Amino acid sequence: MVKKELEVVKDVDLERYMGRWYEIASFPSFFVPKGGADTRATYTLNQDGTVHVLNETWSDGKRVAIEGSAYKADPKSNEAKLKVKFYVPPFLPIIPVVGNYWVLYLDSEYQYALIGEPTRKYLWILCRKTHLEDEIYEMLVQKAKDEGYDPSKLRKTPQSDPPPEGGPQDKGAWWLKSLIGK
């Protein structure tokens, strides 16, 4: 079955998009610790138009963080198709890993978003608050389904209110464990 081209938001105001976003739900992936909670992303616009990305999650009481950058996949396009680049492993960042970050839905107030990519292996529901109203969540899940995603793979991310700040940092042991399947 040929999947249709993903419908991507156009004309996103990157300045309005900056700030902290909490992960409400996502498809589990190898690059985030299993059982992570309070997962969030903080975006900061750089002077050169790229975006500084700080992804954080808490696993076994420790803060796990990775920093990277994002930039428009096609500077001439008005579509919200970004590339994100991180260097791994976290404890010795030497290997660049680049992925797609496509904004599939964004409300007019920039309060919640659906993020995906063309292979449909990764999906995120993000919100400016630690919790999202059920009807909005269900609307985003339906939008993902309409775009060819399997919503049964979505896992809700536990979020504390208020969210944690700081704490001891895991320098990357979780990453090695994920590679060997522990």
N, C-alpha and C. Protein backbone atom coordinates (compact mmCIF):
# COMPACT_ATOMS: atom_id res chain seq x y z
N MET A 1 0.84 -1.18 0.00
CA MET A 1 0.00 0.00 0.00
C MET A 1 0.89 1.25 0.00
N VAL A 2 0.65 2.14 -0.91
CA VAL A 2 1.41 3.38 -0.98
C VAL A 2 0.74 4.39 -0.05
N LYS A 3 1.53 4.92 0.86
CA LYS A 3 0.98 5.91 1.78
C LYS A 3 1.03 7.28 1.13
N LYS A 4 0.00 8.06 1.39
CA LYS A 4 -0.05 9.40 0.81
C LYS A 4 1.02 10.28 1.45
N GLU A 5 1.38 11.33 0.74
CA GLU A 5 2.33 12.32 1.27
C GLU A 5 1.73 12.95 2.52
N LEU A 6 2.53 13.10 3.55
CA LEU A 6 2.04 13.72 4.78
C LEU A 6 1.65 15.17 4.53
N GLU A 7 0.57 15.58 5.15
CA GLU A 7 0.14 16.98 5.09
C GLU A 7 0.88 17.73 6.19
N VAL A 8 1.61 18.76 5.81
CA VAL A 8 2.47 19.49 6.74
C VAL A 8 1.96 20.93 6.88
N VAL A 9 2.06 21.46 8.09
CA VAL A 9 1.65 22.84 8.36
C VAL A 9 2.53 23.80 7.55
N LYS A 10 1.94 24.88 7.11
CA LYS A 10 2.69 25.89 6.36
C LYS A 10 2.77 27.18 7.16
N ASP A 11 3.79 27.96 6.87
CA ASP A 11 3.96 29.31 7.45
C ASP A 11 3.99 29.34 8.97
N VAL A 12 4.73 28.41 9.58
CA VAL A 12 4.90 28.43 11.04
C VAL A 12 5.81 29.61 11.41
N ASP A 13 5.40 30.35 12.41
CA ASP A 13 6.20 31.45 12.95
C ASP A 13 7.18 30.83 13.95
N LEU A 14 8.43 30.66 13.52
CA LEU A 14 9.40 29.98 14.38
C LEU A 14 9.58 30.67 15.72
N GLU A 15 9.52 32.00 15.75
CA GLU A 15 9.67 32.71 17.03
C GLU A 15 8.56 32.32 18.00
N ARG A 16 7.33 32.21 17.51
CA ARG A 16 6.22 31.80 18.37
C ARG A 16 6.35 30.34 18.79
N TYR A 17 6.99 29.53 17.95
CA TYR A 17 7.12 28.10 18.23
C TYR A 17 8.19 27.83 19.31
N MET A 18 9.09 28.77 19.51
CA MET A 18 10.17 28.58 20.47
C MET A 18 9.61 28.44 21.89
N GLY A 19 10.44 27.88 22.77
CA GLY A 19 10.05 27.71 24.16
C GLY A 19 9.96 26.24 24.51
N ARG A 20 9.30 25.97 25.61
CA ARG A 20 9.22 24.61 26.13
C ARG A 20 7.94 23.93 25.66
N TRP A 21 8.11 22.66 25.24
CA TRP A 21 7.00 21.80 24.85
C TRP A 21 7.11 20.51 25.66
N TYR A 22 5.99 20.08 26.25
CA TYR A 22 5.96 18.82 27.00
C TYR A 22 5.44 17.71 26.10
N GLU A 23 6.08 16.54 26.20
CA GLU A 23 5.64 15.38 25.44
C GLU A 23 4.45 14.75 26.15
N ILE A 24 3.32 14.78 25.48
CA ILE A 24 2.09 14.18 26.03
C ILE A 24 2.04 12.70 25.68
N ALA A 25 2.46 12.37 24.46
CA ALA A 25 2.51 10.97 24.02
C ALA A 25 3.47 10.88 22.85
N SER A 26 3.98 9.66 22.62
CA SER A 26 4.90 9.45 21.50
C SER A 26 4.96 7.98 21.16
N PHE A 27 5.54 7.69 20.00
CA PHE A 27 5.90 6.32 19.68
C PHE A 27 7.22 6.06 20.41
N PRO A 28 7.33 4.98 21.18
CA PRO A 28 8.60 4.67 21.84
C PRO A 28 9.73 4.55 20.80
N SER A 29 10.92 5.03 21.17
CA SER A 29 12.05 4.95 20.25
C SER A 29 13.31 4.62 21.03
N PHE A 30 14.32 4.13 20.32
CA PHE A 30 15.55 3.71 20.98
C PHE A 30 16.35 4.88 21.53
N PHE A 31 16.08 6.10 21.05
CA PHE A 31 16.90 7.23 21.49
C PHE A 31 16.33 7.96 22.70
N VAL A 32 15.32 7.38 23.35
CA VAL A 32 14.79 7.91 24.60
C VAL A 32 14.75 6.75 25.59
N PRO A 33 15.20 6.96 26.84
CA PRO A 33 15.19 5.86 27.81
C PRO A 33 13.81 5.26 28.00
N LYS A 34 13.75 3.92 28.09
CA LYS A 34 12.48 3.25 28.38
C LYS A 34 12.01 3.71 29.76
N GLY A 35 10.72 3.95 29.87
CA GLY A 35 10.17 4.35 31.15
C GLY A 35 10.49 5.78 31.53
N GLY A 36 10.92 6.59 30.58
CA GLY A 36 11.20 7.99 30.87
C GLY A 36 9.91 8.74 31.21
N ALA A 37 10.04 9.74 32.05
CA ALA A 37 8.89 10.55 32.45
C ALA A 37 9.28 12.02 32.36
N ASP A 38 8.27 12.87 32.38
CA ASP A 38 8.49 14.33 32.36
C ASP A 38 9.34 14.74 31.16
N THR A 39 9.12 14.06 30.04
CA THR A 39 9.90 14.34 28.82
C THR A 39 9.45 15.67 28.23
N ARG A 40 10.45 16.44 27.79
CA ARG A 40 10.13 17.75 27.22
C ARG A 40 11.23 18.20 26.27
N ALA A 41 10.89 19.17 25.45
CA ALA A 41 11.84 19.77 24.52
C ALA A 41 11.78 21.28 24.72
N THR A 42 12.95 21.90 24.70
CA THR A 42 13.02 23.36 24.78
C THR A 42 13.76 23.85 23.55
N TYR A 43 13.09 24.74 22.82
CA TYR A 43 13.63 25.26 21.57
C TYR A 43 13.99 26.74 21.73
N THR A 44 15.17 27.10 21.24
CA THR A 44 15.65 28.49 21.30
C THR A 44 16.15 28.87 19.91
N LEU A 45 15.66 30.00 19.41
CA LEU A 45 16.06 30.46 18.09
C LEU A 45 17.47 31.06 18.14
N ASN A 46 18.35 30.56 17.28
CA ASN A 46 19.71 31.10 17.18
C ASN A 46 19.72 32.28 16.21
N GLN A 47 20.75 33.12 16.32
CA GLN A 47 20.85 34.30 15.47
C GLN A 47 20.90 33.94 13.98
N ASP A 48 21.44 32.76 13.66
CA ASP A 48 21.56 32.37 12.25
C ASP A 48 20.29 31.73 11.68
N GLY A 49 19.21 31.72 12.48
CA GLY A 49 17.94 31.16 12.02
C GLY A 49 17.76 29.68 12.32
N THR A 50 18.81 29.01 12.81
CA THR A 50 18.66 27.62 13.24
C THR A 50 18.06 27.61 14.64
N VAL A 51 17.72 26.45 15.10
CA VAL A 51 17.07 26.30 16.41
C VAL A 51 17.94 25.41 17.30
N HIS A 52 18.23 25.90 18.51
CA HIS A 52 18.90 25.07 19.51
C HIS A 52 17.84 24.18 20.14
N VAL A 53 18.12 22.87 20.23
CA VAL A 53 17.17 21.90 20.77
C VAL A 53 17.76 21.29 22.03
N LEU A 54 16.99 21.30 23.10
CA LEU A 54 17.35 20.62 24.34
C LEU A 54 16.22 19.65 24.66
N ASN A 55 16.49 18.35 24.54
CA ASN A 55 15.52 17.31 24.90
C ASN A 55 15.90 16.76 26.25
N GLU A 56 14.91 16.67 27.15
CA GLU A 56 15.15 16.16 28.50
C GLU A 56 14.08 15.14 28.86
N THR A 57 14.49 14.16 29.66
CA THR A 57 13.55 13.23 30.26
C THR A 57 14.14 12.79 31.60
N TRP A 58 13.32 12.25 32.47
CA TRP A 58 13.79 11.75 33.76
C TRP A 58 13.59 10.25 33.77
N SER A 59 14.67 9.53 34.09
CA SER A 59 14.64 8.07 34.12
C SER A 59 15.36 7.60 35.37
N ASP A 60 14.71 6.78 36.16
CA ASP A 60 15.28 6.28 37.43
C ASP A 60 15.78 7.44 38.29
N GLY A 61 15.02 8.52 38.33
CA GLY A 61 15.36 9.66 39.17
C GLY A 61 16.47 10.55 38.65
N LYS A 62 16.96 10.26 37.46
CA LYS A 62 18.05 11.06 36.90
C LYS A 62 17.59 11.78 35.64
N ARG A 63 18.11 12.98 35.47
CA ARG A 63 17.82 13.78 34.29
C ARG A 63 18.71 13.29 33.13
N VAL A 64 18.07 12.99 32.01
CA VAL A 64 18.77 12.59 30.80
C VAL A 64 18.53 13.70 29.78
N ALA A 65 19.59 14.25 29.22
CA ALA A 65 19.43 15.35 28.28
C ALA A 65 20.34 15.16 27.08
N ILE A 66 19.88 15.66 25.95
CA ILE A 66 20.70 15.69 24.75
C ILE A 66 20.40 17.01 24.03
N GLU A 67 21.45 17.63 23.52
CA GLU A 67 21.29 18.90 22.81
C GLU A 67 21.59 18.70 21.34
N GLY A 68 20.91 19.46 20.53
CA GLY A 68 21.12 19.38 19.10
C GLY A 68 20.68 20.66 18.43
N SER A 69 20.47 20.59 17.12
CA SER A 69 20.02 21.76 16.39
C SER A 69 18.99 21.34 15.36
N ALA A 70 18.18 22.30 14.95
CA ALA A 70 17.17 22.06 13.92
C ALA A 70 17.27 23.19 12.91
N TYR A 71 16.92 22.86 11.68
CA TYR A 71 16.96 23.85 10.61
C TYR A 71 15.96 23.44 9.54
N LYS A 72 15.51 24.39 8.74
CA LYS A 72 14.55 24.09 7.69
C LYS A 72 15.16 23.15 6.68
N ALA A 73 14.43 22.11 6.31
CA ALA A 73 14.91 21.14 5.33
C ALA A 73 15.11 21.83 3.97
N ASP A 74 14.19 22.72 3.63
CA ASP A 74 14.29 23.48 2.38
C ASP A 74 14.02 24.95 2.72
N PRO A 75 15.06 25.76 2.78
CA PRO A 75 14.89 27.17 3.17
C PRO A 75 13.90 27.94 2.30
N LYS A 76 13.66 27.48 1.08
CA LYS A 76 12.76 28.19 0.17
C LYS A 76 11.29 27.79 0.36
N SER A 77 11.06 26.68 1.07
CA SER A 77 9.69 26.18 1.25
C SER A 77 9.02 26.86 2.45
N ASN A 78 7.69 26.99 2.37
CA ASN A 78 6.94 27.52 3.52
C ASN A 78 6.39 26.40 4.39
N GLU A 79 6.74 25.14 4.06
CA GLU A 79 6.28 24.01 4.86
C GLU A 79 7.14 23.85 6.11
N ALA A 80 6.50 23.40 7.19
CA ALA A 80 7.19 23.20 8.47
C ALA A 80 7.86 21.84 8.48
N LYS A 81 8.84 21.69 7.60
CA LYS A 81 9.65 20.47 7.53
C LYS A 81 11.05 20.85 7.99
N LEU A 82 11.41 20.36 9.17
CA LEU A 82 12.72 20.65 9.73
C LEU A 82 13.57 19.39 9.74
N LYS A 83 14.86 19.60 9.79
CA LYS A 83 15.83 18.53 10.05
C LYS A 83 16.36 18.78 11.45
N VAL A 84 16.53 17.73 12.21
CA VAL A 84 17.14 17.85 13.53
C VAL A 84 18.43 17.05 13.52
N LYS A 85 19.45 17.60 14.18
CA LYS A 85 20.75 16.93 14.22
C LYS A 85 21.21 16.84 15.67
N PHE A 86 21.54 15.62 16.07
CA PHE A 86 22.12 15.37 17.38
C PHE A 86 23.43 14.64 17.17
N TYR A 87 24.32 14.75 18.15
CA TYR A 87 25.56 14.00 18.12
C TYR A 87 25.50 12.93 19.20
N VAL A 88 25.81 11.70 18.85
CA VAL A 88 25.76 10.58 19.79
C VAL A 88 27.10 9.84 19.78
N PRO A 89 27.37 9.04 20.81
CA PRO A 89 26.59 8.88 22.04
C PRO A 89 26.67 10.12 22.93
N PRO A 90 25.71 10.28 23.85
CA PRO A 90 25.66 11.49 24.67
C PRO A 90 26.95 11.76 25.47
N PHE A 91 27.62 10.67 25.87
CA PHE A 91 28.82 10.85 26.71
C PHE A 91 30.07 11.12 25.87
N LEU A 92 30.00 10.94 24.56
CA LEU A 92 31.13 11.19 23.67
C LEU A 92 30.55 11.59 22.31
N PRO A 93 29.96 12.81 22.24
CA PRO A 93 29.19 13.18 21.05
C PRO A 93 30.05 13.40 19.81
N ILE A 94 30.19 12.34 19.00
CA ILE A 94 31.02 12.45 17.80
C ILE A 94 30.29 12.05 16.52
N ILE A 95 29.21 11.29 16.63
CA ILE A 95 28.52 10.81 15.44
C ILE A 95 27.25 11.64 15.21
N PRO A 96 27.18 12.36 14.09
CA PRO A 96 25.95 13.13 13.83
C PRO A 96 24.82 12.22 13.37
N VAL A 97 23.66 12.43 13.95
CA VAL A 97 22.45 11.71 13.56
C VAL A 97 21.43 12.76 13.16
N VAL A 98 20.92 12.66 11.94
CA VAL A 98 19.97 13.65 11.44
C VAL A 98 18.63 12.97 11.21
N GLY A 99 17.56 13.63 11.65
CA GLY A 99 16.22 13.10 11.47
C GLY A 99 15.28 14.18 10.97
N ASN A 100 14.08 13.76 10.63
CA ASN A 100 13.04 14.69 10.18
C ASN A 100 12.14 15.08 11.33
N TYR A 101 11.71 16.33 11.31
CA TYR A 101 10.78 16.88 12.30
C TYR A 101 9.77 17.68 11.49
N TRP A 102 8.63 17.05 11.22
CA TRP A 102 7.61 17.69 10.40
C TRP A 102 6.42 18.04 11.29
N VAL A 103 6.00 19.28 11.25
CA VAL A 103 4.84 19.73 12.02
C VAL A 103 3.59 19.37 11.22
N LEU A 104 2.84 18.39 11.71
CA LEU A 104 1.66 17.89 11.02
C LEU A 104 0.39 18.63 11.45
N TYR A 105 0.43 19.17 12.66
CA TYR A 105 -0.69 19.99 13.14
C TYR A 105 -0.16 20.95 14.20
N LEU A 106 -0.68 22.16 14.17
CA LEU A 106 -0.32 23.18 15.16
C LEU A 106 -1.54 24.07 15.33
N ASP A 107 -2.00 24.22 16.57
CA ASP A 107 -3.17 25.07 16.76
C ASP A 107 -2.78 26.54 16.58
N SER A 108 -3.76 27.38 16.37
CA SER A 108 -3.50 28.78 16.04
C SER A 108 -2.84 29.56 17.17
N GLU A 109 -2.97 29.06 18.40
CA GLU A 109 -2.36 29.73 19.56
C GLU A 109 -0.98 29.16 19.90
N TYR A 110 -0.51 28.18 19.12
CA TYR A 110 0.80 27.53 19.34
C TYR A 110 0.87 26.91 20.74
N GLN A 111 -0.22 26.19 21.11
CA GLN A 111 -0.28 25.55 22.42
C GLN A 111 -0.15 24.03 22.37
N TYR A 112 -0.45 23.42 21.23
CA TYR A 112 -0.28 21.97 21.08
C TYR A 112 0.04 21.66 19.63
N ALA A 113 0.75 20.54 19.45
CA ALA A 113 1.24 20.21 18.12
C ALA A 113 1.34 18.70 17.94
N LEU A 114 1.26 18.29 16.67
CA LEU A 114 1.48 16.91 16.28
C LEU A 114 2.71 16.91 15.38
N ILE A 115 3.72 16.13 15.76
CA ILE A 115 4.98 16.09 15.04
C ILE A 115 5.21 14.68 14.51
N GLY A 116 5.60 14.59 13.25
CA GLY A 116 5.87 13.29 12.67
C GLY A 116 6.99 13.37 11.65
N GLU A 117 7.10 12.34 10.84
CA GLU A 117 8.12 12.31 9.79
C GLU A 117 7.69 11.28 8.75
N PRO A 118 8.29 11.35 7.54
CA PRO A 118 7.72 10.62 6.41
C PRO A 118 7.70 9.09 6.51
N THR A 119 8.57 8.47 7.31
CA THR A 119 8.51 7.00 7.41
C THR A 119 7.39 6.53 8.34
N ARG A 120 6.86 7.46 9.12
CA ARG A 120 5.79 7.19 10.10
C ARG A 120 6.26 6.26 11.23
N LYS A 121 7.57 6.21 11.47
CA LYS A 121 8.11 5.42 12.59
C LYS A 121 8.09 6.22 13.89
N TYR A 122 8.04 7.54 13.77
CA TYR A 122 8.12 8.41 14.95
C TYR A 122 6.94 9.38 14.93
N LEU A 123 6.39 9.62 16.12
CA LEU A 123 5.26 10.52 16.26
C LEU A 123 5.28 11.09 17.67
N TRP A 124 4.99 12.37 17.77
CA TRP A 124 4.93 13.04 19.07
C TRP A 124 3.71 13.93 19.15
N ILE A 125 3.08 13.92 20.31
CA ILE A 125 2.04 14.89 20.63
C ILE A 125 2.64 15.78 21.71
N LEU A 126 2.74 17.07 21.40
CA LEU A 126 3.37 18.04 22.30
C LEU A 126 2.37 19.09 22.76
N CYS A 127 2.65 19.64 23.93
CA CYS A 127 1.77 20.67 24.50
C CYS A 127 2.62 21.63 25.33
N ARG A 128 2.18 22.87 25.42
CA ARG A 128 2.88 23.86 26.26
C ARG A 128 2.70 23.58 27.74
N LYS A 129 1.63 22.85 28.09
CA LYS A 129 1.36 22.48 29.48
C LYS A 129 1.69 21.00 29.66
N THR A 130 1.77 20.56 30.91
CA THR A 130 2.10 19.16 31.18
C THR A 130 0.94 18.21 30.89
N HIS A 131 -0.26 18.75 30.71
CA HIS A 131 -1.42 17.91 30.41
C HIS A 131 -2.24 18.53 29.29
N LEU A 132 -2.88 17.68 28.50
CA LEU A 132 -3.68 18.10 27.37
C LEU A 132 -5.10 17.59 27.56
N GLU A 133 -6.08 18.43 27.25
CA GLU A 133 -7.48 18.03 27.38
C GLU A 133 -7.75 16.80 26.50
N ASP A 134 -8.61 15.89 27.02
CA ASP A 134 -8.89 14.64 26.31
C ASP A 134 -9.40 14.85 24.90
N GLU A 135 -10.31 15.82 24.70
CA GLU A 135 -10.88 15.99 23.36
C GLU A 135 -9.83 16.47 22.36
N ILE A 136 -8.88 17.29 22.81
CA ILE A 136 -7.80 17.74 21.93
C ILE A 136 -6.86 16.58 21.64
N TYR A 137 -6.55 15.79 22.66
CA TYR A 137 -5.71 14.62 22.48
C TYR A 137 -6.33 13.69 21.43
N GLU A 138 -7.61 13.41 21.57
CA GLU A 138 -8.29 12.50 20.64
C GLU A 138 -8.31 13.06 19.23
N MET A 139 -8.46 14.38 19.09
CA MET A 139 -8.43 15.01 17.78
C MET A 139 -7.05 14.82 17.12
N LEU A 140 -5.97 14.98 17.92
CA LEU A 140 -4.62 14.80 17.39
C LEU A 140 -4.36 13.34 17.02
N VAL A 141 -4.85 12.42 17.82
CA VAL A 141 -4.71 10.99 17.51
C VAL A 141 -5.43 10.68 16.20
N GLN A 142 -6.62 11.25 16.02
CA GLN A 142 -7.36 11.03 14.77
C GLN A 142 -6.61 11.62 13.58
N LYS A 143 -6.03 12.79 13.76
CA LYS A 143 -5.25 13.44 12.70
C LYS A 143 -4.07 12.52 12.32
N ALA A 144 -3.40 11.95 13.32
CA ALA A 144 -2.28 11.04 13.07
C ALA A 144 -2.77 9.82 12.28
N LYS A 145 -3.91 9.28 12.69
CA LYS A 145 -4.49 8.11 11.99
C LYS A 145 -4.80 8.48 10.55
N ASP A 146 -5.38 9.66 10.34
CA ASP A 146 -5.71 10.12 8.98
C ASP A 146 -4.46 10.26 8.12
N GLU A 147 -3.32 10.51 8.76
CA GLU A 147 -2.05 10.67 8.04
C GLU A 147 -1.31 9.34 7.85
N GLY A 148 -1.95 8.22 8.26
CA GLY A 148 -1.36 6.92 8.02
C GLY A 148 -0.57 6.34 9.18
N TYR A 149 -0.65 6.96 10.36
CA TYR A 149 0.03 6.43 11.54
C TYR A 149 -0.85 5.40 12.23
N ASP A 150 -0.23 4.45 12.93
CA ASP A 150 -0.94 3.46 13.73
C ASP A 150 -1.03 4.00 15.16
N PRO A 151 -2.19 4.54 15.56
CA PRO A 151 -2.29 5.16 16.89
C PRO A 151 -2.13 4.18 18.05
N SER A 152 -2.24 2.88 17.78
CA SER A 152 -2.07 1.91 18.87
C SER A 152 -0.63 1.90 19.40
N LYS A 153 0.31 2.45 18.63
CA LYS A 153 1.71 2.51 19.07
C LYS A 153 1.98 3.68 20.01
N LEU A 154 1.04 4.62 20.11
CA LEU A 154 1.25 5.78 20.98
C LEU A 154 1.29 5.37 22.44
N ARG A 155 2.24 5.93 23.18
CA ARG A 155 2.35 5.71 24.62
C ARG A 155 2.31 7.07 25.30
N LYS A 156 1.40 7.20 26.26
CA LYS A 156 1.32 8.47 26.99
C LYS A 156 2.56 8.61 27.87
N THR A 157 3.05 9.83 27.97
CA THR A 157 4.25 10.13 28.76
C THR A 157 3.82 10.66 30.12
N PRO A 158 4.24 10.00 31.22
CA PRO A 158 3.90 10.52 32.55
C PRO A 158 4.52 11.92 32.73
N GLN A 159 3.71 12.86 33.19
CA GLN A 159 4.17 14.22 33.43
C GLN A 159 3.81 14.62 34.86
N SER A 160 4.77 15.19 35.58
CA SER A 160 4.53 15.71 36.93
C SER A 160 4.03 17.14 36.84
N ASP A 161 3.28 17.55 37.84
CA ASP A 161 2.82 18.93 37.89
C ASP A 161 3.04 19.43 39.31
N PRO A 162 3.99 20.30 39.55
CA PRO A 162 4.83 20.97 38.56
C PRO A 162 5.94 20.05 38.03
N PRO A 163 6.46 20.36 36.85
CA PRO A 163 7.53 19.54 36.28
C PRO A 163 8.82 19.68 37.07
N PRO A 164 9.67 18.65 37.04
CA PRO A 164 10.95 18.71 37.76
C PRO A 164 11.92 19.69 37.10
N GLU A 165 12.86 20.16 37.88
CA GLU A 165 13.93 21.01 37.35
C GLU A 165 15.25 20.44 37.85
N GLY A 166 16.22 20.35 36.95
CA GLY A 166 17.57 19.92 37.36
C GLY A 166 17.62 18.49 37.86
N GLY A 167 18.51 18.26 38.81
CA GLY A 167 18.68 16.93 39.38
C GLY A 167 19.93 16.27 38.83
N PRO A 168 20.31 15.12 39.42
CA PRO A 168 21.51 14.42 38.92
C PRO A 168 21.32 14.01 37.47
N GLN A 169 22.39 14.04 36.70
CA GLN A 169 22.28 13.75 35.27
C GLN A 169 22.90 12.41 34.93
N ASP A 170 22.17 11.63 34.13
CA ASP A 170 22.68 10.39 33.57
C ASP A 170 23.48 10.77 32.33
N LYS A 171 24.74 10.47 32.31
CA LYS A 171 25.62 10.90 31.22
C LYS A 171 25.54 10.00 29.99
N GLY A 172 24.66 9.02 30.00
CA GLY A 172 24.50 8.23 28.79
C GLY A 172 24.49 6.73 28.98
N ALA A 173 24.53 6.25 30.24
CA ALA A 173 24.49 4.81 30.45
C ALA A 173 23.21 4.21 29.86
N TRP A 174 22.09 4.95 29.92
CA TRP A 174 20.83 4.48 29.36
C TRP A 174 20.98 4.20 27.86
N TRP A 175 21.80 5.00 27.19
CA TRP A 175 21.96 4.89 25.74
C TRP A 175 22.63 3.55 25.40
N LEU A 176 23.66 3.20 26.16
CA LEU A 176 24.33 1.91 25.93
C LEU A 176 23.35 0.76 26.19
N LYS A 177 22.57 0.87 27.26
CA LYS A 177 21.60 -0.18 27.58
C LYS A 177 20.58 -0.34 26.45
N SER A 178 20.14 0.78 25.85
CA SER A 178 19.15 0.71 24.78
C SER A 178 19.74 0.01 23.55
N LEU A 179 21.02 0.20 23.31
CA LEU A 179 21.66 -0.43 22.15
C LEU A 179 21.77 -1.94 22.32
N ILE A 180 21.96 -2.40 23.56
CA ILE A 180 22.10 -3.84 23.78
C ILE A 180 20.77 -4.48 24.23
N GLY A 181 19.72 -3.65 24.23
CA GLY A 181 18.39 -4.19 24.48
C GLY A 181 18.04 -4.44 25.92
N LYS A 182 18.69 -3.77 26.84
CA LYS A 182 18.38 -3.94 28.27
C LYS A 182 17.35 -2.94 28.73
